PDB file of N, CA and C in Angstrom:
ATOM      1  N   MET A   1     133.148  67.061  96.072  1.00  0.00           N
ATOM      2  CA  MET A   1     132.378  67.700  95.028  1.00  0.00           C
ATOM      3  C   MET A   1     133.172  67.621  93.733  1.00  0.00           C
ATOM      4  N   GLN A   2     132.480  67.295  92.652  1.00  0.00           N
ATOM      5  CA  GLN A   2     133.098  67.253  91.333  1.00  0.00           C
ATOM      6  C   GLN A   2     132.435  68.314  90.466  1.00  0.00           C
ATOM      7  N   THR A   3     133.221  68.969  89.629  1.00  0.00           N
ATOM      8  CA  THR A   3     132.692  69.986  88.736  1.00  0.00           C
ATOM      9  C   THR A   3     133.052  69.619  87.304  1.00  0.00           C
ATOM     10  N   TYR A   4     132.049  69.603  86.448  1.00  0.00           N
ATOM     11  CA  TYR A   4     132.212  69.271  85.036  1.00  0.00           C
ATOM     12  C   TYR A   4     131.744  70.442  84.201  1.00  0.00           C
ATOM     13  N   TYR A   5     132.151  70.479  82.933  1.00  0.00           N
ATOM     14  CA  TYR A   5     131.676  71.526  82.052  1.00  0.00           C
ATOM     15  C   TYR A   5     131.306  70.942  80.700  1.00  0.00           C
ATOM     16  N   GLY A   6     130.444  71.656  79.987  1.00  0.00           N
ATOM     17  CA  GLY A   6     130.019  71.235  78.665  1.00  0.00           C
ATOM     18  C   GLY A   6     129.068  72.255  78.079  1.00  0.00           C
ATOM     19  N   SER A   7     128.607  71.979  76.872  1.00  0.00           N
ATOM     20  CA  SER A   7     127.634  72.857  76.228  1.00  0.00           C
ATOM     21  C   SER A   7     126.285  72.730  76.938  1.00  0.00           C
ATOM     22  N   LYS A   8     125.389  73.669  76.685  1.00  0.00           N
ATOM     23  CA  LYS A   8     124.076  73.669  77.335  1.00  0.00           C
ATOM     24  C   LYS A   8     123.340  72.359  77.075  1.00  0.00           C
ATOM     25  N   LYS A   9     123.331  71.906  75.830  1.00  0.00           N
ATOM     26  CA  LYS A   9     122.610  70.686  75.457  1.00  0.00           C
ATOM     27  C   LYS A   9     123.188  69.458  76.158  1.00  0.00           C
ATOM     28  N   VAL A  10     124.501  69.336  76.148  1.00  0.00           N
ATOM     29  CA  VAL A  10     125.158  68.176  76.756  1.00  0.00           C
ATOM     30  C   VAL A  10     124.974  68.187  78.275  1.00  0.00           C
ATOM     31  N   VAL A  11     125.108  69.358  78.886  1.00  0.00           N
ATOM     32  CA  VAL A  11     124.938  69.463  80.334  1.00  0.00           C
ATOM     33  C   VAL A  11     123.502  69.084  80.722  1.00  0.00           C
ATOM     34  N   ALA A  12     122.522  69.526  79.933  1.00  0.00           N
ATOM     35  CA  ALA A  12     121.126  69.188  80.226  1.00  0.00           C
ATOM     36  C   ALA A  12     120.904  67.683  80.161  1.00  0.00           C
ATOM     37  N   GLN A  13     121.458  67.024  79.164  1.00  0.00           N
ATOM     38  CA  GLN A  13     121.324  65.573  79.036  1.00  0.00           C
ATOM     39  C   GLN A  13     122.018  64.853  80.192  1.00  0.00           C
ATOM     40  N   PHE A  14     123.203  65.322  80.541  1.00  0.00           N
ATOM     41  CA  PHE A  14     123.985  64.737  81.626  1.00  0.00           C
ATOM     42  C   PHE A  14     123.222  64.841  82.950  1.00  0.00           C
ATOM     43  N   VAL A  15     122.698  66.024  83.247  1.00  0.00           N
ATOM     44  CA  VAL A  15     121.976  66.234  84.504  1.00  0.00           C
ATOM     45  C   VAL A  15     120.690  65.413  84.519  1.00  0.00           C
ATOM     46  N   LYS A  16     120.003  65.330  83.405  1.00  0.00           N
ATOM     47  CA  LYS A  16     118.778  64.511  83.335  1.00  0.00           C
ATOM     48  C   LYS A  16     119.094  63.060  83.685  1.00  0.00           C
ATOM     49  N   GLU A  17     120.162  62.533  83.110  1.00  0.00           N
ATOM     50  CA  GLU A  17     120.559  61.153  83.401  1.00  0.00           C
ATOM     51  C   GLU A  17     120.966  60.988  84.859  1.00  0.00           C
ATOM     52  N   MET A  18     121.645  62.003  85.398  1.00  0.00           N
ATOM     53  CA  MET A  18     122.028  61.953  86.811  1.00  0.00           C
ATOM     54  C   MET A  18     120.783  61.858  87.695  1.00  0.00           C
ATOM     55  N   LEU A  19     119.779  62.672  87.389  1.00  0.00           N
ATOM     56  CA  LEU A  19     118.556  62.674  88.196  1.00  0.00           C
ATOM     57  C   LEU A  19     117.810  61.357  88.082  1.00  0.00           C
ATOM     58  N   LEU A  20     117.883  60.716  86.921  1.00  0.00           N
ATOM     59  CA  LEU A  20     117.238  59.413  86.745  1.00  0.00           C
ATOM     60  C   LEU A  20     118.014  58.289  87.441  1.00  0.00           C
ATOM     61  N   SER A  21     119.315  58.490  87.630  1.00  0.00           N
ATOM     62  CA  SER A  21     120.177  57.446  88.187  1.00  0.00           C
ATOM     63  C   SER A  21     120.250  57.448  89.706  1.00  0.00           C
ATOM     64  N   PHE A  22     119.928  58.564  90.339  1.00  0.00           N
ATOM     65  CA  PHE A  22     120.086  58.690  91.776  1.00  0.00           C
ATOM     66  C   PHE A  22     118.762  59.010  92.452  1.00  0.00           C
ATOM     67  N   VAL A  23     118.657  58.579  93.688  1.00  0.00           N
ATOM     68  CA  VAL A  23     117.558  59.020  94.537  1.00  0.00           C
ATOM     69  C   VAL A  23     117.781  60.508  94.769  1.00  0.00           C
ATOM     70  N   SER A  24     116.727  61.301  94.681  1.00  0.00           N
ATOM     71  CA  SER A  24     116.878  62.758  94.700  1.00  0.00           C
ATOM     72  C   SER A  24     117.630  63.291  95.913  1.00  0.00           C
ATOM     73  N   ASP A  25     117.543  62.623  97.050  1.00  0.00           N
ATOM     74  CA  ASP A  25     118.242  63.145  98.229  1.00  0.00           C
ATOM     75  C   ASP A  25     119.670  62.638  98.367  1.00  0.00           C
ATOM     76  N   SER A  26     120.163  61.853  97.394  1.00  0.00           N
ATOM     77  CA  SER A  26     121.521  61.338  97.486  1.00  0.00           C
ATOM     78  C   SER A  26     122.515  62.125  96.642  1.00  0.00           C
ATOM     79  N   VAL A  27     122.032  63.151  95.950  1.00  0.00           N
ATOM     80  CA  VAL A  27     122.911  63.942  95.091  1.00  0.00           C
ATOM     81  C   VAL A  27     122.475  65.406  95.138  1.00  0.00           C
ATOM     82  N   SER A  28     123.470  66.284  95.082  1.00  0.00           N
ATOM     83  CA  SER A  28     123.210  67.714  95.003  1.00  0.00           C
ATOM     84  C   SER A  28     123.853  68.219  93.719  1.00  0.00           C
ATOM     85  N   ILE A  29     123.057  68.869  92.860  1.00  0.00           N
ATOM     86  CA  ILE A  29     123.544  69.325  91.562  1.00  0.00           C
ATOM     87  C   ILE A  29     123.311  70.824  91.440  1.00  0.00           C
ATOM     88  N   THR A  30     124.360  71.544  91.045  1.00  0.00           N
ATOM     89  CA  THR A  30     124.260  72.978  90.792  1.00  0.00           C
ATOM     90  C   THR A  30     124.772  73.238  89.383  1.00  0.00           C
ATOM     91  N   ILE A  31     123.987  73.978  88.593  1.00  0.00           N
ATOM     92  CA  ILE A  31     124.377  74.315  87.224  1.00  0.00           C
ATOM     93  C   ILE A  31     124.563  75.829  87.134  1.00  0.00           C
ATOM     94  N   THR A  32     125.690  76.235  86.584  1.00  0.00           N
ATOM     95  CA  THR A  32     125.944  77.659  86.360  1.00  0.00           C
ATOM     96  C   THR A  32     126.524  77.847  84.970  1.00  0.00           C
ATOM     97  N   ARG A  33     126.321  79.009  84.412  1.00  0.00           N
ATOM     98  CA  ARG A  33     126.902  79.327  83.113  1.00  0.00           C
ATOM     99  C   ARG A  33     128.131  80.189  83.326  1.00  0.00           C
ATOM    100  N   GLN A  34     129.192  79.861  82.605  1.00  0.00           N
ATOM    101  CA  GLN A  34     130.393  80.677  82.655  1.00  0.00           C
ATOM    102  C   GLN A  34     130.046  82.040  82.060  1.00  0.00           C
ATOM    103  N   GLU A  35     130.471  83.104  82.707  1.00  0.00           N
ATOM    104  CA  GLU A  35     130.147  84.463  82.271  1.00  0.00           C
ATOM    105  C   GLU A  35     130.533  84.688  80.817  1.00  0.00           C
ATOM    106  N   LYS A  36     129.588  85.229  80.023  1.00  0.00           N
ATOM    107  CA  LYS A  36     129.806  85.570  78.609  1.00  0.00           C
ATOM    108  C   LYS A  36     130.355  84.389  77.827  1.00  0.00           C
ATOM    109  N   SER A  37     129.799  83.216  78.051  1.00  0.00           N
ATOM    110  CA  SER A  37     130.288  81.999  77.428  1.00  0.00           C
ATOM    111  C   SER A  37     129.125  81.048  77.193  1.00  0.00           C
ATOM    112  N   GLU A  38     129.334  80.093  76.326  1.00  0.00           N
ATOM    113  CA  GLU A  38     128.349  79.033  76.109  1.00  0.00           C
ATOM    114  C   GLU A  38     128.687  77.797  76.934  1.00  0.00           C
ATOM    115  N   VAL A  39     129.643  77.928  77.831  1.00  0.00           N
ATOM    116  CA  VAL A  39     130.073  76.817  78.668  1.00  0.00           C
ATOM    117  C   VAL A  39     129.266  76.820  79.961  1.00  0.00           C
ATOM    118  N   TYR A  40     128.717  75.666  80.294  1.00  0.00           N
ATOM    119  CA  TYR A  40     127.951  75.497  81.524  1.00  0.00           C
ATOM    120  C   TYR A  40     128.727  74.589  82.466  1.00  0.00           C
ATOM    121  N   CYS A  41     128.706  74.913  83.745  1.00  0.00           N
ATOM    122  CA  CYS A  41     129.369  74.115  84.776  1.00  0.00           C
ATOM    123  C   CYS A  41     128.330  73.367  85.579  1.00  0.00           C
ATOM    124  N   VAL A  42     128.629  72.132  85.900  1.00  0.00           N
ATOM    125  CA  VAL A  42     127.779  71.307  86.739  1.00  0.00           C
ATOM    126  C   VAL A  42     128.603  70.878  87.937  1.00  0.00           C
ATOM    127  N   SER A  43     128.206  71.317  89.116  1.00  0.00           N
ATOM    128  CA  SER A  43     128.864  70.886  90.349  1.00  0.00           C
ATOM    129  C   SER A  43     127.994  69.817  90.988  1.00  0.00           C
ATOM    130  N   ILE A  44     128.604  68.685  91.286  1.00  0.00           N
ATOM    131  CA  ILE A  44     127.864  67.531  91.787  1.00  0.00           C
ATOM    132  C   ILE A  44     128.464  67.073  93.101  1.00  0.00           C
ATOM    133  N   ALA A  45     127.615  66.986  94.104  1.00  0.00           N
ATOM    134  CA  ALA A  45     128.035  66.448  95.397  1.00  0.00           C
ATOM    135  C   ALA A  45     127.267  65.158  95.630  1.00  0.00           C
ATOM    136  N   THR A  46     128.010  64.074  95.814  1.00  0.00           N
ATOM    137  CA  THR A  46     127.425  62.771  96.110  1.00  0.00           C
ATOM    138  C   THR A  46     128.237  62.125  97.218  1.00  0.00           C
ATOM    139  N   ASP A  47     127.765  60.989  97.676  1.00  0.00           N
ATOM    140  CA  ASP A  47     128.591  60.241  98.607  1.00  0.00           C
ATOM    141  C   ASP A  47     129.674  59.517  97.802  1.00  0.00           C
ATOM    142  N   MET A  48     130.700  59.061  98.482  1.00  0.00           N
ATOM    143  CA  MET A  48     131.846  58.452  97.795  1.00  0.00           C
ATOM    144  C   MET A  48     131.467  57.214  96.998  1.00  0.00           C
ATOM    145  N   SER A  49     130.439  56.504  97.403  1.00  0.00           N
ATOM    146  CA  SER A  49     130.049  55.289  96.695  1.00  0.00           C
ATOM    147  C   SER A  49     129.439  55.586  95.330  1.00  0.00           C
ATOM    148  N   SER A  50     129.058  56.828  95.078  1.00  0.00           N
ATOM    149  CA  SER A  50     128.429  57.196  93.809  1.00  0.00           C
ATOM    150  C   SER A  50     129.388  57.862  92.823  1.00  0.00           C
ATOM    151  N   GLU A  51     130.610  58.132  93.230  1.00  0.00           N
ATOM    152  CA  GLU A  51     131.553  58.835  92.367  1.00  0.00           C
ATOM    153  C   GLU A  51     131.833  58.097  91.065  1.00  0.00           C
ATOM    154  N   ASP A  52     131.901  56.771  91.102  1.00  0.00           N
ATOM    155  CA  ASP A  52     132.147  55.998  89.882  1.00  0.00           C
ATOM    156  C   ASP A  52     131.007  56.157  88.884  1.00  0.00           C
ATOM    157  N   ILE A  53     129.780  56.208  89.375  1.00  0.00           N
ATOM    158  CA  ILE A  53     128.625  56.384  88.493  1.00  0.00           C
ATOM    159  C   ILE A  53     128.676  57.752  87.833  1.00  0.00           C
ATOM    160  N   VAL A  54     128.999  58.778  88.610  1.00  0.00           N
ATOM    161  CA  VAL A  54     129.102  60.137  88.071  1.00  0.00           C
ATOM    162  C   VAL A  54     130.175  60.185  86.986  1.00  0.00           C
ATOM    163  N   GLU A  55     131.321  59.608  87.244  1.00  0.00           N
ATOM    164  CA  GLU A  55     132.409  59.613  86.267  1.00  0.00           C
ATOM    165  C   GLU A  55     132.030  58.843  85.009  1.00  0.00           C
ATOM    166  N   HIS A  56     131.327  57.737  85.175  1.00  0.00           N
ATOM    167  CA  HIS A  56     130.868  56.946  84.022  1.00  0.00           C
ATOM    168  C   HIS A  56     129.905  57.766  83.158  1.00  0.00           C
ATOM    169  N   LEU A  57     128.941  58.425  83.786  1.00  0.00           N
ATOM    170  CA  LEU A  57     127.998  59.253  83.043  1.00  0.00           C
ATOM    171  C   LEU A  57     128.698  60.438  82.379  1.00  0.00           C
ATOM    172  N   ALA A  58     129.695  60.988  83.039  1.00  0.00           N
ATOM    173  CA  ALA A  58     130.450  62.098  82.451  1.00  0.00           C
ATOM    174  C   ALA A  58     131.138  61.658  81.169  1.00  0.00           C
ATOM    175  N   ARG A  59     131.690  60.449  81.167  1.00  0.00           N
ATOM    176  CA  ARG A  59     132.333  59.932  79.952  1.00  0.00           C
ATOM    177  C   ARG A  59     131.298  59.719  78.843  1.00  0.00           C
ATOM    178  N   ILE A  60     130.140  59.186  79.183  1.00  0.00           N
ATOM    179  CA  ILE A  60     129.089  58.942  78.194  1.00  0.00           C
ATOM    180  C   ILE A  60     128.667  60.249  77.530  1.00  0.00           C
ATOM    181  N   TYR A  61     128.475  61.288  78.329  1.00  0.00           N
ATOM    182  CA  TYR A  61     127.987  62.562  77.801  1.00  0.00           C
ATOM    183  C   TYR A  61     129.096  63.525  77.426  1.00  0.00           C
ATOM    184  N   SER A  62     130.334  63.081  77.497  1.00  0.00           N
ATOM    185  CA  SER A  62     131.494  63.866  77.081  1.00  0.00           C
ATOM    186  C   SER A  62     131.589  65.214  77.788  1.00  0.00           C
ATOM    187  N   VAL A  63     131.189  65.239  79.050  1.00  0.00           N
ATOM    188  CA  VAL A  63     131.471  66.426  79.848  1.00  0.00           C
ATOM    189  C   VAL A  63     132.821  66.176  80.497  1.00  0.00           C
ATOM    190  N   ALA A  64     133.535  67.220  80.794  1.00  0.00           N
ATOM    191  CA  ALA A  64     134.894  67.068  81.297  1.00  0.00           C
ATOM    192  C   ALA A  64     135.027  67.693  82.668  1.00  0.00           C
ATOM    193  N   LEU A  65     135.953  67.170  83.449  1.00  0.00           N
ATOM    194  CA  LEU A  65     136.258  67.797  84.722  1.00  0.00           C
ATOM    195  C   LEU A  65     136.714  69.219  84.478  1.00  0.00           C
ATOM    196  N   LEU A  66     136.280  70.126  85.317  1.00  0.00           N
ATOM    197  CA  LEU A  66     136.591  71.541  85.132  1.00  0.00           C
ATOM    198  C   LEU A  66     138.069  71.806  85.380  1.00  0.00           C
ATOM    199  N   ASN A  67     138.690  72.462  84.429  1.00  0.00           N
ATOM    200  CA  ASN A  67     140.065  72.934  84.575  1.00  0.00           C
ATOM    201  C   ASN A  67     140.012  74.439  84.833  1.00  0.00           C
ATOM    202  N   THR A  68     141.155  75.051  85.002  1.00  0.00           N
ATOM    203  CA  THR A  68     141.152  76.490  85.277  1.00  0.00           C
ATOM    204  C   THR A  68     140.667  77.293  84.077  1.00  0.00           C
ATOM    205  N   SER A  69     140.886  76.807  82.863  1.00  0.00           N
ATOM    206  CA  SER A  69     140.385  77.506  81.674  1.00  0.00           C
ATOM    207  C   SER A  69     139.787  76.489  80.723  1.00  0.00           C
ATOM    208  N   PRO A  70     138.466  76.272  80.776  1.00  0.00           N
ATOM    209  CA  PRO A  70     137.833  75.267  79.919  1.00  0.00           C
ATOM    210  C   PRO A  70     137.970  75.625  78.436  1.00  0.00           C
ATOM    211  N   PRO A  71     138.126  74.626  77.590  1.00  0.00           N
ATOM    212  CA  PRO A  71     138.255  74.860  76.148  1.00  0.00           C
ATOM    213  C   PRO A  71     136.903  75.253  75.554  1.00  0.00           C
ATOM    214  N   SER A  72     136.915  75.651  74.298  1.00  0.00           N
ATOM    215  CA  SER A  72     135.658  75.913  73.605  1.00  0.00           C
ATOM    216  C   SER A  72     134.875  74.612  73.536  1.00  0.00           C
ATOM    217  N   ILE A  73     133.575  74.701  73.712  1.00  0.00           N
ATOM    218  CA  ILE A  73     132.725  73.518  73.745  1.00  0.00           C
ATOM    219  C   ILE A  73     131.854  73.505  72.509  1.00  0.00           C
ATOM    220  N   ARG A  74     131.854  72.357  71.831  1.00  0.00           N
ATOM    221  CA  ARG A  74     130.960  72.181  70.682  1.00  0.00           C
ATOM    222  C   ARG A  74     129.679  71.534  71.178  1.00  0.00           C
ATOM    223  N   ASP A  75     128.582  71.788  70.497  1.00  0.00           N
ATOM    224  CA  ASP A  75     127.306  71.173  70.862  1.00  0.00           C
ATOM    225  C   ASP A  75     127.359  69.716  70.454  1.00  0.00           C
ATOM    226  N   GLY A  76     127.147  68.818  71.417  1.00  0.00           N
ATOM    227  CA  GLY A  76     127.256  67.386  71.190  1.00  0.00           C
ATOM    228  C   GLY A  76     126.025  66.862  70.644  1.00  0.00           C
TER     229      GLY A  76
END
């Protein structure tokens, strides 16, 4: 499972592209908002063969792998 974070707008675009790129049953996506924050987390479970695609899309949409304390996020 990979977890990324970003602003609401960027996360929505990222997830939309993910849904267009994968067969619906080959990926599991969970979106949560960090408490009292504008930062949204996206947890993605895919098979190992899809990890490169997820990472590529993450770079395109400038979402970042979740660290213990995510930085302030600007709207992309």
